[in-house]
């Protein structure tokens, strides 16, 4: 069974930075055969796309709200994917989830496995 575990969330002030990590285990295919995405969900809202990597490790694009501030990258040797978040804003407050899938997509429904999420709270 695929297991994804996020970490790195916390409470920060606007303008601060955080680095989220997602550790994968129990993969049925090699790490590089997965599309890896970061999504976030605020209370009362749908899960929202943030960023994702294709099987080649290249970004498929960032959401308009985070472009220029967030960076997604992976470490193949450690089976981890990360989200570096800079210049955080209060509207970035949400639970952040790591998802793995088989096809590059910006839709949450396209991902097969998810972690439990990590809370990011940005105060003004």
N, C-alpha and C. Protein backbone atom coordinates (compact mmCIF):
# COMPACT_ATOMS: atom_id res chain seq x y z
N UNK A 1 0.85 -1.19 0.00
CA UNK A 1 0.00 0.00 0.00
C UNK A 1 0.89 1.24 0.00
N UNK A 2 0.57 2.17 -0.88
CA UNK A 2 1.32 3.40 -0.96
C UNK A 2 1.05 4.25 0.27
N UNK A 3 2.10 4.75 0.89
CA UNK A 3 1.96 5.64 2.03
C UNK A 3 2.71 6.94 1.74
N UNK A 4 2.05 8.05 1.99
CA UNK A 4 2.62 9.37 1.80
C UNK A 4 2.48 10.13 3.11
N UNK A 5 3.56 10.69 3.59
CA UNK A 5 3.56 11.40 4.86
C UNK A 5 4.13 12.79 4.68
N UNK A 6 3.29 13.80 4.91
CA UNK A 6 3.71 15.19 4.80
C UNK A 6 4.25 15.69 6.14
N UNK A 7 5.13 16.67 6.05
CA UNK A 7 5.66 17.31 7.24
C UNK A 7 6.13 18.71 6.87
N UNK A 8 6.38 19.53 7.87
CA UNK A 8 6.93 20.85 7.65
C UNK A 8 5.98 22.00 7.82
N UNK A 9 4.70 21.72 8.02
CA UNK A 9 3.74 22.79 8.22
C UNK A 9 3.93 23.46 9.57
N UNK A 10 3.25 24.58 9.75
CA UNK A 10 3.35 25.30 11.00
C UNK A 10 2.68 26.64 10.95
N UNK A 11 2.86 27.41 11.99
CA UNK A 11 2.30 28.74 12.11
C UNK A 11 3.41 29.76 11.87
N UNK A 12 3.20 30.62 10.87
CA UNK A 12 4.20 31.63 10.53
C UNK A 12 3.51 32.96 10.27
N UNK A 13 4.31 34.01 10.17
CA UNK A 13 3.81 35.34 9.86
C UNK A 13 3.88 35.60 8.36
N UNK A 14 3.05 36.48 7.89
CA UNK A 14 3.09 36.88 6.49
C UNK A 14 4.50 37.32 6.11
N UNK A 15 4.95 36.86 4.96
CA UNK A 15 6.29 37.16 4.49
C UNK A 15 7.32 36.11 4.83
N UNK A 16 6.98 35.19 5.71
CA UNK A 16 7.91 34.13 6.11
C UNK A 16 7.93 33.00 5.08
N UNK A 17 8.80 32.02 5.32
CA UNK A 17 8.95 30.88 4.44
C UNK A 17 8.76 29.57 5.19
N UNK A 18 8.33 28.54 4.47
CA UNK A 18 8.22 27.19 4.99
C UNK A 18 8.62 26.22 3.89
N UNK A 19 9.14 25.07 4.30
CA UNK A 19 9.47 24.01 3.37
C UNK A 19 8.70 22.76 3.77
N UNK A 20 7.80 22.32 2.91
CA UNK A 20 7.03 21.11 3.15
C UNK A 20 7.72 19.91 2.52
N UNK A 21 7.58 18.76 3.15
CA UNK A 21 8.16 17.54 2.63
C UNK A 21 7.12 16.44 2.58
N UNK A 22 7.26 15.54 1.63
CA UNK A 22 6.38 14.39 1.48
C UNK A 22 7.25 13.17 1.27
N UNK A 23 7.17 12.22 2.19
CA UNK A 23 7.95 10.99 2.09
C UNK A 23 7.06 9.86 1.61
N UNK A 24 7.50 9.16 0.57
CA UNK A 24 6.72 8.08 -0.02
C UNK A 24 7.32 6.72 0.30
N UNK A 25 6.45 5.75 0.54
CA UNK A 25 6.88 4.38 0.76
C UNK A 25 5.80 3.43 0.25
N UNK A 26 6.17 2.18 0.10
CA UNK A 26 5.22 1.19 -0.37
C UNK A 26 4.77 1.39 -1.81
N UNK A 27 5.59 2.05 -2.61
CA UNK A 27 5.23 2.31 -4.00
C UNK A 27 5.22 1.01 -4.81
N UNK A 28 4.24 0.89 -5.69
CA UNK A 28 4.14 -0.31 -6.52
C UNK A 28 4.97 -0.19 -7.79
N UNK A 29 5.41 1.02 -8.09
CA UNK A 29 6.30 1.28 -9.21
C UNK A 29 7.48 2.11 -8.70
N UNK A 30 8.47 2.28 -9.52
CA UNK A 30 9.61 3.09 -9.11
C UNK A 30 9.16 4.53 -8.90
N UNK A 31 9.84 5.22 -8.03
CA UNK A 31 9.50 6.59 -7.65
C UNK A 31 9.32 7.51 -8.85
N UNK A 32 10.20 7.39 -9.83
CA UNK A 32 10.18 8.28 -10.98
C UNK A 32 9.04 8.03 -11.95
N UNK A 33 8.26 6.99 -11.73
CA UNK A 33 7.13 6.71 -12.60
C UNK A 33 5.85 7.38 -12.14
N UNK A 34 5.92 8.16 -11.07
CA UNK A 34 4.75 8.84 -10.53
C UNK A 34 4.74 10.33 -10.83
N UNK A 35 3.56 10.83 -11.07
CA UNK A 35 3.32 12.27 -11.07
C UNK A 35 3.11 12.65 -9.61
N UNK A 36 3.73 13.72 -9.17
CA UNK A 36 3.68 14.12 -7.77
C UNK A 36 3.16 15.54 -7.66
N UNK A 37 2.10 15.71 -6.90
CA UNK A 37 1.49 17.02 -6.80
C UNK A 37 1.29 17.49 -5.37
N UNK A 38 1.22 18.79 -5.21
CA UNK A 38 0.85 19.42 -3.96
C UNK A 38 -0.47 20.14 -4.16
N UNK A 39 -1.39 19.89 -3.25
CA UNK A 39 -2.70 20.53 -3.24
C UNK A 39 -2.94 21.10 -1.85
N UNK A 40 -3.89 22.02 -1.77
CA UNK A 40 -4.23 22.57 -0.47
C UNK A 40 -5.74 22.71 -0.35
N UNK A 41 -6.22 22.70 0.88
CA UNK A 41 -7.64 22.79 1.12
C UNK A 41 -7.91 23.63 2.36
N UNK A 42 -8.64 24.70 2.17
CA UNK A 42 -9.06 25.55 3.27
C UNK A 42 -10.46 25.13 3.71
N UNK A 43 -10.85 25.44 4.94
CA UNK A 43 -12.17 25.05 5.43
C UNK A 43 -13.29 25.52 4.51
N UNK A 44 -14.20 24.61 4.17
CA UNK A 44 -15.33 24.95 3.34
C UNK A 44 -15.04 25.08 1.86
N UNK A 45 -13.81 24.78 1.45
CA UNK A 45 -13.43 24.90 0.05
C UNK A 45 -12.98 23.56 -0.52
N UNK A 46 -12.97 23.49 -1.84
CA UNK A 46 -12.50 22.30 -2.53
C UNK A 46 -10.99 22.23 -2.48
N UNK A 47 -10.47 21.03 -2.66
CA UNK A 47 -9.04 20.86 -2.71
C UNK A 47 -8.50 21.57 -3.96
N UNK A 48 -7.49 22.39 -3.77
CA UNK A 48 -6.98 23.28 -4.80
C UNK A 48 -5.58 22.90 -5.24
N UNK A 49 -5.36 22.90 -6.53
CA UNK A 49 -4.04 22.60 -7.09
C UNK A 49 -3.04 23.68 -6.72
N UNK A 50 -1.82 23.25 -6.42
CA UNK A 50 -0.74 24.18 -6.13
C UNK A 50 0.40 24.01 -7.12
N UNK A 51 0.94 22.80 -7.22
CA UNK A 51 2.06 22.51 -8.10
C UNK A 51 2.20 21.01 -8.27
N UNK A 52 2.87 20.59 -9.33
CA UNK A 52 3.09 19.17 -9.56
C UNK A 52 4.30 18.94 -10.45
N UNK A 53 4.86 17.75 -10.34
CA UNK A 53 5.98 17.32 -11.16
C UNK A 53 5.55 16.18 -12.07
N UNK A 54 6.01 16.22 -13.30
CA UNK A 54 5.78 15.12 -14.22
C UNK A 54 6.72 13.98 -13.87
N UNK A 55 6.61 12.89 -14.60
CA UNK A 55 7.49 11.76 -14.36
C UNK A 55 8.95 12.10 -14.60
N UNK A 56 9.20 13.08 -15.43
CA UNK A 56 10.56 13.50 -15.72
C UNK A 56 11.14 14.38 -14.63
N UNK A 57 10.31 14.81 -13.68
CA UNK A 57 10.76 15.67 -12.61
C UNK A 57 10.61 17.15 -12.90
N UNK A 58 9.99 17.49 -14.01
CA UNK A 58 9.78 18.88 -14.38
C UNK A 58 8.40 19.35 -13.94
N UNK A 59 8.30 20.59 -13.56
CA UNK A 59 7.02 21.15 -13.15
C UNK A 59 6.06 21.21 -14.32
N UNK A 60 4.79 20.88 -14.07
CA UNK A 60 3.77 21.01 -15.10
C UNK A 60 3.08 22.36 -15.01
N UNK A 61 3.49 23.18 -14.05
CA UNK A 61 2.93 24.51 -13.90
C UNK A 61 2.44 24.76 -12.49
N UNK A 62 2.50 26.02 -12.10
CA UNK A 62 2.05 26.44 -10.78
C UNK A 62 0.71 27.15 -10.89
N UNK A 63 -0.06 27.09 -9.83
CA UNK A 63 -1.29 27.86 -9.79
C UNK A 63 -0.95 29.34 -9.80
N UNK A 64 -1.86 30.15 -10.33
CA UNK A 64 -1.60 31.58 -10.43
C UNK A 64 -1.31 32.21 -9.08
N UNK A 65 -1.94 31.71 -8.05
CA UNK A 65 -1.81 32.31 -6.73
C UNK A 65 -0.44 32.09 -6.08
N UNK A 66 0.31 31.08 -6.54
CA UNK A 66 1.59 30.78 -5.90
C UNK A 66 2.78 30.95 -6.83
N UNK A 67 2.55 31.11 -8.09
CA UNK A 67 3.63 31.23 -9.06
C UNK A 67 4.58 32.37 -8.69
N UNK A 68 5.87 32.06 -8.70
CA UNK A 68 6.87 33.04 -8.33
C UNK A 68 7.22 33.02 -6.86
N UNK A 69 6.42 32.35 -6.05
CA UNK A 69 6.68 32.28 -4.61
C UNK A 69 6.99 30.86 -4.15
N UNK A 70 6.38 29.86 -4.79
CA UNK A 70 6.54 28.46 -4.40
C UNK A 70 7.37 27.72 -5.44
N UNK A 71 8.10 26.71 -4.98
CA UNK A 71 8.89 25.86 -5.86
C UNK A 71 8.72 24.40 -5.45
N UNK A 72 8.41 23.53 -6.41
CA UNK A 72 8.28 22.11 -6.15
C UNK A 72 9.52 21.40 -6.68
N UNK A 73 10.00 20.42 -5.92
CA UNK A 73 11.14 19.64 -6.37
C UNK A 73 11.14 18.30 -5.65
N UNK A 74 11.87 17.34 -6.17
CA UNK A 74 11.92 16.01 -5.59
C UNK A 74 13.34 15.54 -5.38
N UNK A 75 13.47 14.53 -4.53
CA UNK A 75 14.74 13.87 -4.29
C UNK A 75 14.51 12.39 -4.58
N UNK A 76 14.93 11.95 -5.74
CA UNK A 76 14.68 10.58 -6.18
C UNK A 76 15.34 9.56 -5.25
N UNK A 77 16.53 9.85 -4.78
CA UNK A 77 17.26 8.92 -3.92
C UNK A 77 16.55 8.69 -2.59
N UNK A 78 15.80 9.68 -2.13
CA UNK A 78 15.14 9.59 -0.83
C UNK A 78 13.63 9.38 -0.94
N UNK A 79 13.12 9.29 -2.15
CA UNK A 79 11.68 9.14 -2.38
C UNK A 79 10.88 10.24 -1.68
N UNK A 80 11.32 11.46 -1.87
CA UNK A 80 10.64 12.59 -1.26
C UNK A 80 10.36 13.68 -2.29
N UNK A 81 9.30 14.42 -2.04
CA UNK A 81 8.97 15.57 -2.86
C UNK A 81 8.72 16.73 -1.91
N UNK A 82 9.12 17.93 -2.31
CA UNK A 82 9.10 19.08 -1.41
C UNK A 82 8.41 20.27 -2.05
N UNK A 83 7.96 21.16 -1.20
CA UNK A 83 7.38 22.41 -1.65
C UNK A 83 7.99 23.53 -0.83
N UNK A 84 8.83 24.33 -1.47
CA UNK A 84 9.42 25.49 -0.82
C UNK A 84 8.47 26.66 -1.00
N UNK A 85 8.03 27.23 0.10
CA UNK A 85 7.05 28.31 0.07
C UNK A 85 7.69 29.57 0.64
N UNK A 86 7.77 30.60 -0.19
CA UNK A 86 8.36 31.86 0.21
C UNK A 86 7.33 32.97 0.18
N UNK A 87 7.59 34.02 0.92
CA UNK A 87 6.72 35.20 0.97
C UNK A 87 5.26 34.79 1.19
N UNK A 88 5.07 34.01 2.21
CA UNK A 88 3.74 33.48 2.50
C UNK A 88 2.74 34.58 2.81
N UNK A 89 1.50 34.33 2.43
CA UNK A 89 0.41 35.26 2.63
C UNK A 89 -0.69 34.59 3.46
N UNK A 90 -1.52 35.37 4.14
CA UNK A 90 -2.61 34.76 4.91
C UNK A 90 -3.51 33.86 4.06
N UNK A 91 -3.71 34.18 2.80
CA UNK A 91 -4.54 33.36 1.93
C UNK A 91 -3.91 32.02 1.58
N UNK A 92 -2.65 31.80 1.95
CA UNK A 92 -2.02 30.50 1.77
C UNK A 92 -2.40 29.53 2.88
N UNK A 93 -3.09 30.01 3.89
CA UNK A 93 -3.49 29.17 5.02
C UNK A 93 -4.40 28.05 4.54
N UNK A 94 -4.00 26.82 4.83
CA UNK A 94 -4.75 25.64 4.39
C UNK A 94 -4.04 24.39 4.89
N UNK A 95 -4.70 23.26 4.73
CA UNK A 95 -4.04 21.98 4.91
C UNK A 95 -3.44 21.61 3.56
N UNK A 96 -2.16 21.30 3.56
CA UNK A 96 -1.46 20.97 2.33
C UNK A 96 -1.29 19.46 2.22
N UNK A 97 -1.64 18.93 1.05
CA UNK A 97 -1.61 17.49 0.80
C UNK A 97 -0.67 17.15 -0.34
N UNK A 98 0.00 16.05 -0.20
CA UNK A 98 0.83 15.47 -1.24
C UNK A 98 0.05 14.36 -1.92
N UNK A 99 0.01 14.37 -3.24
CA UNK A 99 -0.68 13.34 -3.99
C UNK A 99 0.19 12.73 -5.07
N UNK A 100 0.06 11.42 -5.27
CA UNK A 100 0.78 10.72 -6.32
C UNK A 100 -0.22 10.17 -7.31
N UNK A 101 0.12 10.23 -8.58
CA UNK A 101 -0.74 9.71 -9.63
C UNK A 101 0.07 9.15 -10.77
N UNK A 102 -0.62 8.82 -11.85
CA UNK A 102 0.04 8.21 -13.00
C UNK A 102 0.05 9.10 -14.23
N UNK A 103 -0.75 10.17 -14.22
CA UNK A 103 -0.81 11.08 -15.35
C UNK A 103 -0.76 12.52 -14.87
N UNK A 104 -0.05 13.35 -15.59
CA UNK A 104 0.10 14.74 -15.21
C UNK A 104 -1.24 15.46 -15.31
N UNK A 105 -1.67 16.04 -14.20
CA UNK A 105 -2.93 16.75 -14.16
C UNK A 105 -2.93 17.75 -13.01
N UNK A 106 -3.75 18.78 -13.16
CA UNK A 106 -3.92 19.76 -12.11
C UNK A 106 -5.21 19.54 -11.34
N UNK A 107 -5.87 18.42 -11.60
CA UNK A 107 -7.12 18.09 -10.94
C UNK A 107 -6.89 17.06 -9.85
N UNK A 108 -7.44 17.32 -8.67
CA UNK A 108 -7.24 16.43 -7.54
C UNK A 108 -7.76 15.02 -7.81
N UNK A 109 -8.82 14.92 -8.61
CA UNK A 109 -9.41 13.62 -8.91
C UNK A 109 -8.47 12.73 -9.71
N UNK A 110 -7.43 13.30 -10.28
CA UNK A 110 -6.49 12.53 -11.07
C UNK A 110 -5.39 11.85 -10.27
N UNK A 111 -5.36 12.08 -8.98
CA UNK A 111 -4.34 11.49 -8.13
C UNK A 111 -4.90 10.32 -7.34
N UNK A 112 -4.10 9.28 -7.22
CA UNK A 112 -4.56 8.02 -6.65
C UNK A 112 -4.30 7.88 -5.16
N UNK A 113 -3.23 8.46 -4.69
CA UNK A 113 -2.84 8.31 -3.29
C UNK A 113 -2.56 9.66 -2.67
N UNK A 114 -2.89 9.77 -1.40
CA UNK A 114 -2.74 11.03 -0.68
C UNK A 114 -2.17 10.83 0.71
N UNK A 115 -1.47 11.84 1.18
CA UNK A 115 -1.02 11.84 2.55
C UNK A 115 -2.11 12.39 3.45
N UNK A 116 -1.81 12.48 4.73
CA UNK A 116 -2.80 12.95 5.70
C UNK A 116 -2.90 14.47 5.76
N UNK A 117 -1.94 15.15 5.17
CA UNK A 117 -1.95 16.60 5.14
C UNK A 117 -1.15 17.22 6.28
N UNK A 118 -0.68 18.43 6.05
CA UNK A 118 0.01 19.18 7.08
C UNK A 118 -0.52 20.61 7.07
N UNK A 119 -0.80 21.14 8.25
CA UNK A 119 -1.44 22.44 8.37
C UNK A 119 -0.43 23.57 8.22
N UNK A 120 -0.77 24.53 7.37
CA UNK A 120 0.01 25.75 7.22
C UNK A 120 -0.90 26.91 7.58
N UNK A 121 -0.48 27.70 8.55
CA UNK A 121 -1.25 28.85 8.98
C UNK A 121 -0.38 30.09 8.90
N UNK A 122 -0.84 31.09 8.17
CA UNK A 122 -0.09 32.32 7.98
C UNK A 122 -0.88 33.47 8.59
N UNK A 123 -0.32 34.09 9.59
CA UNK A 123 -0.98 35.20 10.26
C UNK A 123 -0.57 36.52 9.63
N UNK A 124 -1.45 37.50 9.71
CA UNK A 124 -1.18 38.81 9.15
C UNK A 124 -0.44 39.69 10.15
